[in-house]
Amino acid sequence: MTATDTIRFYFSFRSPYAWLAYHRLERALGALPVTVQRIPVFPPSHYPNDPAAVPAKLAYIVHDASRVAREYGLPAINWSGDVDTDWMRPHAAYVFAAGEGHGDAFAFAVFRARFCEGRNVGVDDALRGAAQQCGLDPEAVVRAADDPAMHRLVNIGFLQAGQDGVFGVPFFVWRDQRFWGNDRLEWLIREVKRAHGTRVP
């Protein structure tokens, strides 16, 4: 497997569309001759294109993501929680969980806590709950959320995102091509298949 056969997948626990893309990632890409590098990122404060800052756009996202989740067979989205939190904490905890071999399980648990249970995933109790669901030491996960070494690894992901031209999530980078949004996953699949000699309609 060469570097050009690696897909960089940028996601954020803040985004319902990243949750939807993460949910179907393995099923969509698992049979293709690629590896997927999962890179957590989140918008900085005062992000200039924040959908949550536009009431009409936020209302649309709530409605749209909910209907897509329903069609995917996912639990109903619970939007009662806080829109924002200290986003470094769950993303740093994810980096730790991934290093322990539980990245996907932890990510699913955090996404579920945020979008199905309406929880603030930046606080200790939510992180402990996610850790317990995927077989990690809850206190180790809480420590990782505040560990400067984990924060540095998250920041390395930010630097890579900047080099890749990422401006939103979910975002996929493969070879010299970029795909933004859950609905672009199919287009990514088409291009990978073409490159490996499969004819696509």
N, C-alpha and C. Protein backbone atom coordinates (compact mmCIF):
# COMPACT_ATOMS: atom_id res chain seq x y z
N MET A 1 0.85 -1.19 0.00
CA MET A 1 0.00 0.00 0.00
C MET A 1 0.89 1.24 0.00
N THR A 2 0.70 2.11 -0.97
CA THR A 2 1.50 3.32 -1.07
C THR A 2 0.80 4.47 -0.39
N ALA A 3 1.56 5.56 -0.22
CA ALA A 3 0.97 6.74 0.43
C ALA A 3 -0.22 7.27 -0.35
N THR A 4 -0.17 7.14 -1.70
CA THR A 4 -1.27 7.65 -2.52
C THR A 4 -2.52 6.81 -2.36
N ASP A 5 -2.43 5.62 -1.74
CA ASP A 5 -3.59 4.78 -1.52
C ASP A 5 -4.17 4.99 -0.12
N THR A 6 -3.72 6.03 0.56
CA THR A 6 -4.26 6.39 1.87
C THR A 6 -5.26 7.53 1.71
N ILE A 7 -6.44 7.34 2.27
CA ILE A 7 -7.44 8.41 2.31
C ILE A 7 -7.35 9.08 3.67
N ARG A 8 -7.17 10.38 3.66
CA ARG A 8 -7.20 11.13 4.91
C ARG A 8 -8.64 11.60 5.14
N PHE A 9 -9.20 11.15 6.24
CA PHE A 9 -10.59 11.46 6.59
C PHE A 9 -10.59 12.40 7.80
N TYR A 10 -11.00 13.64 7.56
CA TYR A 10 -11.07 14.63 8.63
C TYR A 10 -12.50 14.66 9.18
N PHE A 11 -12.61 14.57 10.50
CA PHE A 11 -13.93 14.56 11.13
C PHE A 11 -13.89 15.39 12.40
N SER A 12 -15.07 15.71 12.89
CA SER A 12 -15.19 16.46 14.14
C SER A 12 -16.40 15.98 14.90
N PHE A 13 -16.27 15.89 16.22
CA PHE A 13 -17.41 15.51 17.05
C PHE A 13 -18.45 16.63 17.12
N ARG A 14 -18.14 17.77 16.58
CA ARG A 14 -19.11 18.86 16.55
C ARG A 14 -20.11 18.71 15.40
N SER A 15 -19.76 17.95 14.38
CA SER A 15 -20.54 17.92 13.14
C SER A 15 -21.42 16.68 13.03
N PRO A 16 -22.73 16.86 12.85
CA PRO A 16 -23.59 15.69 12.63
C PRO A 16 -23.27 14.99 11.32
N TYR A 17 -22.82 15.74 10.32
CA TYR A 17 -22.50 15.11 9.04
C TYR A 17 -21.23 14.27 9.15
N ALA A 18 -20.31 14.67 10.01
CA ALA A 18 -19.13 13.84 10.26
C ALA A 18 -19.56 12.54 10.95
N TRP A 19 -20.52 12.62 11.84
CA TRP A 19 -21.06 11.42 12.48
C TRP A 19 -21.66 10.48 11.43
N LEU A 20 -22.46 11.03 10.52
CA LEU A 20 -23.08 10.21 9.49
C LEU A 20 -22.03 9.57 8.59
N ALA A 21 -21.00 10.32 8.22
CA ALA A 21 -19.95 9.78 7.37
C ALA A 21 -19.15 8.71 8.11
N TYR A 22 -18.83 8.97 9.37
CA TYR A 22 -18.06 8.00 10.16
C TYR A 22 -18.84 6.69 10.27
N HIS A 23 -20.15 6.81 10.44
CA HIS A 23 -21.02 5.64 10.61
C HIS A 23 -20.90 4.67 9.43
N ARG A 24 -20.78 5.19 8.20
CA ARG A 24 -20.77 4.31 7.04
C ARG A 24 -19.40 4.17 6.39
N LEU A 25 -18.38 4.70 7.05
CA LEU A 25 -17.05 4.73 6.46
C LEU A 25 -16.52 3.34 6.15
N GLU A 26 -16.54 2.46 7.14
CA GLU A 26 -15.95 1.13 6.96
C GLU A 26 -16.71 0.33 5.91
N ARG A 27 -18.03 0.40 5.95
CA ARG A 27 -18.84 -0.33 4.99
C ARG A 27 -18.62 0.20 3.57
N ALA A 28 -18.44 1.51 3.45
CA ALA A 28 -18.29 2.12 2.13
C ALA A 28 -16.91 1.89 1.54
N LEU A 29 -15.87 1.90 2.39
CA LEU A 29 -14.50 1.85 1.89
C LEU A 29 -13.78 0.55 2.20
N GLY A 30 -14.36 -0.29 3.04
CA GLY A 30 -13.64 -1.46 3.53
C GLY A 30 -13.20 -2.42 2.45
N ALA A 31 -13.95 -2.52 1.34
CA ALA A 31 -13.60 -3.47 0.29
C ALA A 31 -12.66 -2.87 -0.75
N LEU A 32 -12.33 -1.60 -0.61
CA LEU A 32 -11.46 -0.94 -1.60
C LEU A 32 -9.99 -1.07 -1.18
N PRO A 33 -9.07 -1.02 -2.16
CA PRO A 33 -7.64 -1.18 -1.86
C PRO A 33 -7.02 0.11 -1.33
N VAL A 34 -7.55 0.60 -0.22
CA VAL A 34 -7.06 1.84 0.39
C VAL A 34 -7.03 1.65 1.91
N THR A 35 -6.24 2.48 2.56
CA THR A 35 -6.31 2.59 4.01
C THR A 35 -6.87 3.97 4.34
N VAL A 36 -7.50 4.09 5.50
CA VAL A 36 -8.12 5.35 5.90
C VAL A 36 -7.44 5.86 7.16
N GLN A 37 -6.91 7.07 7.07
CA GLN A 37 -6.32 7.74 8.23
C GLN A 37 -7.37 8.69 8.79
N ARG A 38 -7.80 8.44 9.99
CA ARG A 38 -8.84 9.27 10.62
C ARG A 38 -8.17 10.39 11.41
N ILE A 39 -8.51 11.63 11.09
CA ILE A 39 -7.85 12.79 11.69
C ILE A 39 -8.91 13.70 12.32
N PRO A 40 -8.91 13.83 13.65
CA PRO A 40 -9.90 14.70 14.29
C PRO A 40 -9.50 16.17 14.24
N VAL A 41 -10.44 17.01 13.88
CA VAL A 41 -10.24 18.46 13.88
C VAL A 41 -11.52 19.11 14.39
N PHE A 42 -11.44 20.38 14.71
CA PHE A 42 -12.64 21.10 15.12
C PHE A 42 -12.43 22.58 14.82
N PRO A 43 -13.52 23.33 14.63
CA PRO A 43 -13.36 24.74 14.24
C PRO A 43 -12.81 25.57 15.39
N PRO A 44 -11.91 26.48 15.10
CA PRO A 44 -11.41 27.38 16.14
C PRO A 44 -12.50 28.35 16.57
N SER A 45 -12.29 29.01 17.69
CA SER A 45 -13.26 30.01 18.13
C SER A 45 -13.36 31.12 17.09
N HIS A 46 -14.55 31.66 16.95
CA HIS A 46 -14.82 32.73 15.98
C HIS A 46 -14.56 32.25 14.55
N TYR A 47 -14.87 30.96 14.30
CA TYR A 47 -14.72 30.42 12.95
C TYR A 47 -15.60 31.23 12.00
N PRO A 48 -15.04 31.72 10.88
CA PRO A 48 -15.77 32.66 10.03
C PRO A 48 -16.96 32.08 9.28
N ASN A 49 -17.05 30.75 9.18
CA ASN A 49 -18.15 30.15 8.43
C ASN A 49 -18.89 29.14 9.29
N ASP A 50 -19.19 29.53 10.52
CA ASP A 50 -19.80 28.63 11.48
C ASP A 50 -21.30 28.49 11.21
N PRO A 51 -21.77 27.29 10.80
CA PRO A 51 -23.20 27.13 10.52
C PRO A 51 -24.08 27.42 11.72
N ALA A 52 -23.57 27.16 12.92
CA ALA A 52 -24.38 27.37 14.12
C ALA A 52 -24.65 28.85 14.38
N ALA A 53 -23.90 29.73 13.71
CA ALA A 53 -24.09 31.17 13.92
C ALA A 53 -25.21 31.73 13.04
N VAL A 54 -25.73 30.92 12.14
CA VAL A 54 -26.81 31.37 11.23
C VAL A 54 -28.05 30.55 11.58
N PRO A 55 -29.05 31.15 12.25
CA PRO A 55 -30.21 30.38 12.73
C PRO A 55 -30.90 29.56 11.65
N ALA A 56 -31.10 30.12 10.47
CA ALA A 56 -31.78 29.38 9.41
C ALA A 56 -30.96 28.19 8.95
N LYS A 57 -29.65 28.37 8.87
CA LYS A 57 -28.78 27.27 8.46
C LYS A 57 -28.74 26.18 9.51
N LEU A 58 -28.67 26.57 10.78
CA LEU A 58 -28.67 25.59 11.86
C LEU A 58 -29.97 24.80 11.86
N ALA A 59 -31.09 25.49 11.66
CA ALA A 59 -32.38 24.79 11.63
C ALA A 59 -32.43 23.79 10.48
N TYR A 60 -31.87 24.17 9.34
CA TYR A 60 -31.82 23.25 8.20
C TYR A 60 -30.97 22.02 8.53
N ILE A 61 -29.80 22.25 9.12
CA ILE A 61 -28.90 21.15 9.46
C ILE A 61 -29.58 20.18 10.44
N VAL A 62 -30.27 20.72 11.43
CA VAL A 62 -30.98 19.89 12.40
C VAL A 62 -31.98 18.99 11.67
N HIS A 63 -32.75 19.58 10.77
CA HIS A 63 -33.76 18.82 10.03
C HIS A 63 -33.12 17.82 9.07
N ASP A 64 -32.15 18.27 8.31
CA ASP A 64 -31.54 17.44 7.28
C ASP A 64 -30.77 16.27 7.88
N ALA A 65 -29.92 16.55 8.87
CA ALA A 65 -29.14 15.48 9.48
C ALA A 65 -30.05 14.46 10.15
N SER A 66 -31.16 14.92 10.70
CA SER A 66 -32.10 14.01 11.36
C SER A 66 -32.73 13.06 10.35
N ARG A 67 -33.13 13.57 9.20
CA ARG A 67 -33.77 12.68 8.22
C ARG A 67 -32.76 11.71 7.61
N VAL A 68 -31.50 12.16 7.42
CA VAL A 68 -30.49 11.24 6.91
C VAL A 68 -30.20 10.15 7.93
N ALA A 69 -30.06 10.53 9.20
CA ALA A 69 -29.82 9.55 10.26
C ALA A 69 -30.93 8.52 10.30
N ARG A 70 -32.15 8.97 10.14
CA ARG A 70 -33.29 8.04 10.15
C ARG A 70 -33.17 7.03 9.01
N GLU A 71 -32.80 7.49 7.84
CA GLU A 71 -32.66 6.59 6.69
C GLU A 71 -31.48 5.64 6.86
N TYR A 72 -30.47 6.03 7.63
CA TYR A 72 -29.34 5.15 7.89
C TYR A 72 -29.64 4.13 8.98
N GLY A 73 -30.80 4.25 9.61
CA GLY A 73 -31.14 3.35 10.70
C GLY A 73 -30.51 3.72 12.02
N LEU A 74 -30.08 4.96 12.14
CA LEU A 74 -29.47 5.44 13.39
C LEU A 74 -30.55 5.95 14.33
N PRO A 75 -30.24 6.04 15.63
CA PRO A 75 -31.23 6.56 16.58
C PRO A 75 -31.58 8.01 16.24
N ALA A 76 -32.74 8.42 16.71
CA ALA A 76 -33.17 9.81 16.49
C ALA A 76 -32.15 10.77 17.09
N ILE A 77 -31.92 11.86 16.40
CA ILE A 77 -30.97 12.86 16.89
C ILE A 77 -31.61 13.68 18.00
N ASN A 78 -30.87 13.85 19.06
CA ASN A 78 -31.30 14.65 20.20
C ASN A 78 -30.47 15.94 20.19
N TRP A 79 -31.13 17.05 19.92
CA TRP A 79 -30.41 18.33 19.78
C TRP A 79 -30.54 19.18 21.04
N SER A 80 -30.84 18.54 22.17
CA SER A 80 -31.08 19.33 23.38
C SER A 80 -29.80 19.80 24.06
N GLY A 81 -28.65 19.24 23.69
CA GLY A 81 -27.40 19.58 24.37
C GLY A 81 -26.81 20.88 23.90
N ASP A 82 -25.69 21.25 24.54
CA ASP A 82 -25.00 22.47 24.16
C ASP A 82 -24.42 22.33 22.75
N VAL A 83 -24.45 23.43 22.00
CA VAL A 83 -23.85 23.41 20.67
C VAL A 83 -22.34 23.28 20.79
N ASP A 84 -21.76 23.94 21.78
CA ASP A 84 -20.31 23.96 21.89
C ASP A 84 -19.83 23.52 23.27
N THR A 85 -18.56 23.17 23.30
CA THR A 85 -17.88 22.76 24.52
C THR A 85 -16.40 23.04 24.34
N ASP A 86 -15.57 22.54 25.20
CA ASP A 86 -14.13 22.62 25.00
C ASP A 86 -13.76 21.47 24.06
N TRP A 87 -13.72 21.77 22.76
CA TRP A 87 -13.61 20.71 21.76
C TRP A 87 -12.26 20.01 21.76
N MET A 88 -11.25 20.62 22.31
CA MET A 88 -9.97 19.94 22.37
C MET A 88 -10.07 18.65 23.17
N ARG A 89 -10.87 18.65 24.23
CA ARG A 89 -10.89 17.52 25.14
C ARG A 89 -11.37 16.21 24.49
N PRO A 90 -12.55 16.18 23.85
CA PRO A 90 -12.95 14.89 23.24
C PRO A 90 -12.06 14.47 22.08
N HIS A 91 -11.50 15.44 21.36
CA HIS A 91 -10.64 15.08 20.23
C HIS A 91 -9.28 14.56 20.71
N ALA A 92 -8.76 15.14 21.78
CA ALA A 92 -7.53 14.62 22.37
C ALA A 92 -7.77 13.23 22.95
N ALA A 93 -8.93 13.04 23.58
CA ALA A 93 -9.27 11.72 24.11
C ALA A 93 -9.38 10.69 22.99
N TYR A 94 -9.91 11.12 21.84
CA TYR A 94 -9.99 10.21 20.70
C TYR A 94 -8.59 9.78 20.25
N VAL A 95 -7.66 10.72 20.18
CA VAL A 95 -6.29 10.38 19.75
C VAL A 95 -5.71 9.32 20.68
N PHE A 96 -5.96 9.48 21.98
CA PHE A 96 -5.51 8.47 22.95
C PHE A 96 -6.18 7.13 22.68
N ALA A 97 -7.50 7.14 22.50
CA ALA A 97 -8.24 5.90 22.27
C ALA A 97 -7.76 5.21 21.00
N ALA A 98 -7.49 5.98 19.95
CA ALA A 98 -7.00 5.40 18.70
C ALA A 98 -5.65 4.74 18.93
N GLY A 99 -4.80 5.38 19.73
CA GLY A 99 -3.49 4.80 20.04
C GLY A 99 -3.59 3.51 20.81
N GLU A 100 -4.70 3.33 21.53
CA GLU A 100 -4.94 2.10 22.29
C GLU A 100 -5.68 1.05 21.47
N GLY A 101 -5.96 1.37 20.19
CA GLY A 101 -6.66 0.43 19.33
C GLY A 101 -8.17 0.46 19.44
N HIS A 102 -8.71 1.52 20.05
CA HIS A 102 -10.16 1.63 20.26
C HIS A 102 -10.72 2.91 19.64
N GLY A 103 -10.07 3.42 18.61
CA GLY A 103 -10.49 4.71 18.06
C GLY A 103 -11.91 4.72 17.55
N ASP A 104 -12.26 3.74 16.71
CA ASP A 104 -13.61 3.73 16.14
C ASP A 104 -14.67 3.55 17.21
N ALA A 105 -14.45 2.62 18.12
CA ALA A 105 -15.43 2.37 19.18
C ALA A 105 -15.63 3.62 20.03
N PHE A 106 -14.54 4.31 20.35
CA PHE A 106 -14.64 5.52 21.15
C PHE A 106 -15.36 6.61 20.37
N ALA A 107 -15.02 6.75 19.08
CA ALA A 107 -15.68 7.77 18.26
C ALA A 107 -17.18 7.54 18.20
N PHE A 108 -17.59 6.29 17.98
CA PHE A 108 -19.02 6.00 17.92
C PHE A 108 -19.70 6.32 19.25
N ALA A 109 -19.02 6.03 20.34
CA ALA A 109 -19.60 6.30 21.66
C ALA A 109 -19.75 7.80 21.90
N VAL A 110 -18.76 8.58 21.47
CA VAL A 110 -18.84 10.04 21.64
C VAL A 110 -19.92 10.63 20.73
N PHE A 111 -19.94 10.20 19.48
CA PHE A 111 -20.98 10.68 18.57
C PHE A 111 -22.36 10.35 19.11
N ARG A 112 -22.53 9.14 19.63
CA ARG A 112 -23.83 8.73 20.18
C ARG A 112 -24.20 9.60 21.38
N ALA A 113 -23.23 9.86 22.25
CA ALA A 113 -23.50 10.70 23.41
C ALA A 113 -23.93 12.09 22.98
N ARG A 114 -23.26 12.62 21.97
CA ARG A 114 -23.57 13.99 21.54
C ARG A 114 -24.89 14.08 20.79
N PHE A 115 -25.06 13.24 19.77
CA PHE A 115 -26.19 13.42 18.86
C PHE A 115 -27.41 12.57 19.18
N CYS A 116 -27.26 11.54 19.98
CA CYS A 116 -28.41 10.73 20.35
C CYS A 116 -28.88 10.98 21.78
N GLU A 117 -27.93 11.35 22.64
CA GLU A 117 -28.27 11.58 24.04
C GLU A 117 -28.26 13.05 24.42
N GLY A 118 -27.80 13.91 23.51
CA GLY A 118 -27.78 15.35 23.78
C GLY A 118 -26.82 15.75 24.88
N ARG A 119 -25.70 15.03 25.02
CA ARG A 119 -24.77 15.29 26.11
C ARG A 119 -23.66 16.23 25.67
N ASN A 120 -23.10 16.92 26.65
CA ASN A 120 -21.91 17.74 26.44
C ASN A 120 -20.71 16.81 26.49
N VAL A 121 -20.10 16.54 25.34
CA VAL A 121 -19.04 15.52 25.28
C VAL A 121 -17.67 16.07 25.68
N GLY A 122 -17.62 17.31 26.13
CA GLY A 122 -16.36 17.86 26.59
C GLY A 122 -16.14 17.73 28.08
N VAL A 123 -17.12 17.18 28.81
CA VAL A 123 -17.02 17.09 30.26
C VAL A 123 -16.61 15.68 30.67
N ASP A 124 -16.08 15.56 31.88
CA ASP A 124 -15.51 14.29 32.34
C ASP A 124 -16.50 13.13 32.31
N ASP A 125 -17.73 13.36 32.77
CA ASP A 125 -18.69 12.27 32.85
C ASP A 125 -18.98 11.65 31.48
N ALA A 126 -19.11 12.50 30.47
CA ALA A 126 -19.38 11.99 29.12
C ALA A 126 -18.18 11.20 28.59
N LEU A 127 -16.98 11.70 28.86
CA LEU A 127 -15.78 11.00 28.40
C LEU A 127 -15.62 9.67 29.13
N ARG A 128 -15.93 9.65 30.41
CA ARG A 128 -15.86 8.39 31.16
C ARG A 128 -16.86 7.39 30.59
N GLY A 129 -18.05 7.86 30.29
CA GLY A 129 -19.07 6.97 29.74
C GLY A 129 -18.65 6.38 28.41
N ALA A 130 -18.08 7.21 27.55
CA ALA A 130 -17.60 6.71 26.26
C ALA A 130 -16.48 5.70 26.45
N ALA A 131 -15.59 5.97 27.39
CA ALA A 131 -14.48 5.04 27.66
C ALA A 131 -15.00 3.69 28.12
N GLN A 132 -15.97 3.69 29.01
CA GLN A 132 -16.52 2.44 29.53
C GLN A 132 -17.16 1.61 28.43
N GLN A 133 -17.79 2.28 27.47
CA GLN A 133 -18.47 1.57 26.39
C GLN A 133 -17.50 0.85 25.46
N CYS A 134 -16.26 1.32 25.41
CA CYS A 134 -15.32 0.69 24.46
C CYS A 134 -14.14 0.02 25.16
N GLY A 135 -14.26 -0.22 26.45
CA GLY A 135 -13.26 -1.01 27.15
C GLY A 135 -11.99 -0.28 27.52
N LEU A 136 -12.05 1.04 27.61
CA LEU A 136 -10.90 1.83 28.02
C LEU A 136 -11.03 2.24 29.48
N ASP A 137 -9.90 2.51 30.11
CA ASP A 137 -9.89 3.01 31.48
C ASP A 137 -10.46 4.43 31.49
N PRO A 138 -11.61 4.66 32.13
CA PRO A 138 -12.22 5.98 32.11
C PRO A 138 -11.31 7.10 32.61
N GLU A 139 -10.55 6.82 33.67
CA GLU A 139 -9.69 7.87 34.22
C GLU A 139 -8.52 8.17 33.28
N ALA A 140 -8.03 7.16 32.58
CA ALA A 140 -6.96 7.38 31.62
C ALA A 140 -7.46 8.26 30.47
N VAL A 141 -8.70 8.06 30.07
CA VAL A 141 -9.27 8.87 28.99
C VAL A 141 -9.45 10.32 29.44
N VAL A 142 -9.91 10.51 30.66
CA VAL A 142 -10.06 11.88 31.18
C VAL A 142 -8.70 12.57 31.27
N ARG A 143 -7.69 11.85 31.71
CA ARG A 143 -6.35 12.44 31.76
C ARG A 143 -5.86 12.79 30.36
N ALA A 144 -6.13 11.91 29.40
CA ALA A 144 -5.69 12.16 28.02
C ALA A 144 -6.35 13.40 27.44
N ALA A 145 -7.59 13.68 27.85
CA ALA A 145 -8.30 14.85 27.33
C ALA A 145 -7.57 16.15 27.66
N ASP A 146 -6.79 16.14 28.75
CA ASP A 146 -6.06 17.34 29.18
C ASP A 146 -4.55 17.19 29.03
N ASP A 147 -4.12 16.13 28.39
CA ASP A 147 -2.69 15.84 28.27
C ASP A 147 -2.07 16.67 27.14
N PRO A 148 -1.09 17.52 27.45
CA PRO A 148 -0.45 18.34 26.40
C PRO A 148 0.10 17.51 25.24
N ALA A 149 0.54 16.29 25.52
CA ALA A 149 1.06 15.44 24.44
C ALA A 149 -0.05 15.08 23.47
N MET A 150 -1.25 14.79 23.97
CA MET A 150 -2.39 14.50 23.10
C MET A 150 -2.82 15.75 22.34
N HIS A 151 -2.74 16.90 23.02
CA HIS A 151 -3.10 18.15 22.36
C HIS A 151 -2.15 18.43 21.20
N ARG A 152 -0.88 18.13 21.39
CA ARG A 152 0.09 18.34 20.30
C ARG A 152 -0.25 17.47 19.10
N LEU A 153 -0.68 16.24 19.35
CA LEU A 153 -1.04 15.36 18.25
C LEU A 153 -2.27 15.87 17.52
N VAL A 154 -3.24 16.41 18.26
CA VAL A 154 -4.40 17.03 17.61
C VAL A 154 -3.96 18.21 16.75
N ASN A 155 -3.04 19.00 17.28
CA ASN A 155 -2.56 20.16 16.53
C ASN A 155 -1.78 19.77 15.28
N ILE A 156 -1.11 18.64 15.33
CA ILE A 156 -0.44 18.14 14.12
C ILE A 156 -1.49 17.84 13.06
N GLY A 157 -2.63 17.29 13.48
CA GLY A 157 -3.73 17.07 12.55
C GLY A 157 -4.24 18.36 11.94
N PHE A 158 -4.29 19.42 12.75
CA PHE A 158 -4.69 20.74 12.23
C PHE A 158 -3.72 21.22 11.16
N LEU A 159 -2.44 21.04 11.40
CA LEU A 159 -1.45 21.45 10.41
C LEU A 159 -1.62 20.68 9.11
N GLN A 160 -1.86 19.38 9.22
CA GLN A 160 -2.10 18.58 8.02
C GLN A 160 -3.36 19.04 7.31
N ALA A 161 -4.39 19.37 8.08
CA ALA A 161 -5.64 19.85 7.50
C ALA A 161 -5.41 21.14 6.72
N GLY A 162 -4.61 22.03 7.28
CA GLY A 162 -4.29 23.27 6.57
C GLY A 162 -3.58 23.01 5.26
N GLN A 163 -2.66 22.07 5.27
CA GLN A 163 -1.94 21.73 4.04
C GLN A 163 -2.87 21.09 3.01
N ASP A 164 -3.89 20.39 3.49
CA ASP A 164 -4.82 19.72 2.59
C ASP A 164 -5.96 20.63 2.13
N GLY A 165 -6.00 21.86 2.64
CA GLY A 165 -7.06 22.78 2.23
C GLY A 165 -8.41 22.48 2.84
N VAL A 166 -8.42 21.88 4.02
CA VAL A 166 -9.68 21.54 4.67
C VAL A 166 -10.36 22.80 5.18
N PHE A 167 -11.66 22.92 4.92
CA PHE A 167 -12.43 24.07 5.39
C PHE A 167 -13.73 23.65 6.06
N GLY A 168 -13.96 22.37 6.16
CA GLY A 168 -15.15 21.85 6.81
C GLY A 168 -15.05 20.34 6.90
N VAL A 169 -15.99 19.73 7.63
CA VAL A 169 -15.97 18.28 7.79
C VAL A 169 -17.38 17.74 7.52
N PRO A 170 -17.46 16.46 7.14
CA PRO A 170 -16.36 15.54 6.85
C PRO A 170 -15.64 15.92 5.56
N PHE A 171 -14.35 15.64 5.53
CA PHE A 171 -13.51 16.01 4.39
C PHE A 171 -12.59 14.84 4.09
N PHE A 172 -12.54 14.45 2.83
CA PHE A 172 -11.72 13.31 2.40
C PHE A 172 -10.68 13.80 1.41
N VAL A 173 -9.45 13.35 1.60
CA VAL A 173 -8.37 13.68 0.68
C VAL A 173 -7.75 12.38 0.20
N TRP A 174 -7.72 12.21 -1.11
CA TRP A 174 -7.14 11.00 -1.70
C TRP A 174 -6.36 11.40 -2.93
N ARG A 175 -5.06 11.05 -2.93
CA ARG A 175 -4.16 11.47 -4.00
C ARG A 175 -4.26 12.98 -4.15
N ASP A 176 -4.60 13.49 -5.33
CA ASP A 176 -4.68 14.94 -5.49
C ASP A 176 -6.13 15.43 -5.48
N GLN A 177 -7.04 14.62 -4.97
CA GLN A 177 -8.47 14.97 -5.01
C GLN A 177 -9.02 15.20 -3.62
N ARG A 178 -10.00 16.10 -3.55
CA ARG A 178 -10.63 16.47 -2.29
C ARG A 178 -12.13 16.33 -2.41
N PHE A 179 -12.75 15.86 -1.34
CA PHE A 179 -14.19 15.64 -1.32
C PHE A 179 -14.72 16.15 0.01
N TRP A 180 -15.67 17.06 -0.05
CA TRP A 180 -16.22 17.66 1.17
C TRP A 180 -17.67 17.24 1.35
N GLY A 181 -17.97 16.66 2.48
CA GLY A 181 -19.35 16.33 2.81
C GLY A 181 -19.65 14.85 2.79
N ASN A 182 -20.60 14.46 3.62
CA ASN A 182 -21.05 13.08 3.66
C ASN A 182 -21.56 12.62 2.30
N ASP A 183 -22.20 13.52 1.57
CA ASP A 183 -22.77 13.14 0.28
C ASP A 183 -21.72 13.03 -0.83
N ARG A 184 -20.46 13.32 -0.51
CA ARG A 184 -19.40 13.16 -1.51
C ARG A 184 -18.64 11.84 -1.34
N LEU A 185 -19.04 11.05 -0.35
CA LEU A 185 -18.36 9.78 -0.14
C LEU A 185 -18.51 8.88 -1.36
N GLU A 186 -19.70 8.90 -1.98
CA GLU A 186 -19.90 8.08 -3.18
C GLU A 186 -18.99 8.50 -4.32
N TRP A 187 -18.73 9.78 -4.45
CA TRP A 187 -17.84 10.27 -5.52
C TRP A 187 -16.40 9.84 -5.26
N LEU A 188 -16.01 9.83 -4.00
CA LEU A 188 -14.69 9.32 -3.64
C LEU A 188 -14.58 7.85 -4.04
N ILE A 189 -15.60 7.07 -3.73
CA ILE A 189 -15.59 5.64 -4.07
C ILE A 189 -15.45 5.46 -5.58
N ARG A 190 -16.17 6.25 -6.34
CA ARG A 190 -16.09 6.14 -7.80
C ARG A 190 -14.67 6.37 -8.31
N GLU A 191 -14.02 7.40 -7.76
CA GLU A 191 -12.67 7.73 -8.23
C GLU A 191 -11.66 6.66 -7.84
N VAL A 192 -11.80 6.10 -6.64
CA VAL A 192 -10.89 5.03 -6.22
C VAL A 192 -11.08 3.82 -7.13
N LYS A 193 -12.32 3.47 -7.40
CA LYS A 193 -12.58 2.32 -8.27
C LYS A 193 -12.00 2.53 -9.66
N ARG A 194 -12.21 3.72 -10.22
CA ARG A 194 -11.66 4.03 -11.55
C ARG A 194 -10.14 3.85 -11.56
N ALA A 195 -9.50 4.38 -10.52
CA ALA A 195 -8.04 4.34 -10.47
C ALA A 195 -7.52 2.91 -10.39
N HIS A 196 -8.34 2.01 -9.88
CA HIS A 196 -7.91 0.62 -9.75
C HIS A 196 -8.54 -0.28 -10.80
N GLY A 197 -8.99 0.34 -11.89
CA GLY A 197 -9.41 -0.43 -13.07
C GLY A 197 -10.82 -0.94 -13.08
N THR A 198 -11.65 -0.44 -12.18
CA THR A 198 -13.07 -0.85 -12.16
C THR A 198 -13.89 0.16 -12.93
N ARG A 199 -14.69 -0.31 -13.86
CA ARG A 199 -15.56 0.59 -14.61
C ARG A 199 -16.77 0.97 -13.76
N VAL A 200 -17.06 2.24 -13.70
CA VAL A 200 -18.21 2.69 -12.90
C VAL A 200 -19.21 3.36 -13.83
N PRO A 201 -20.51 3.24 -13.52
CA PRO A 201 -21.52 3.84 -14.41
C PRO A 201 -21.51 5.35 -14.32
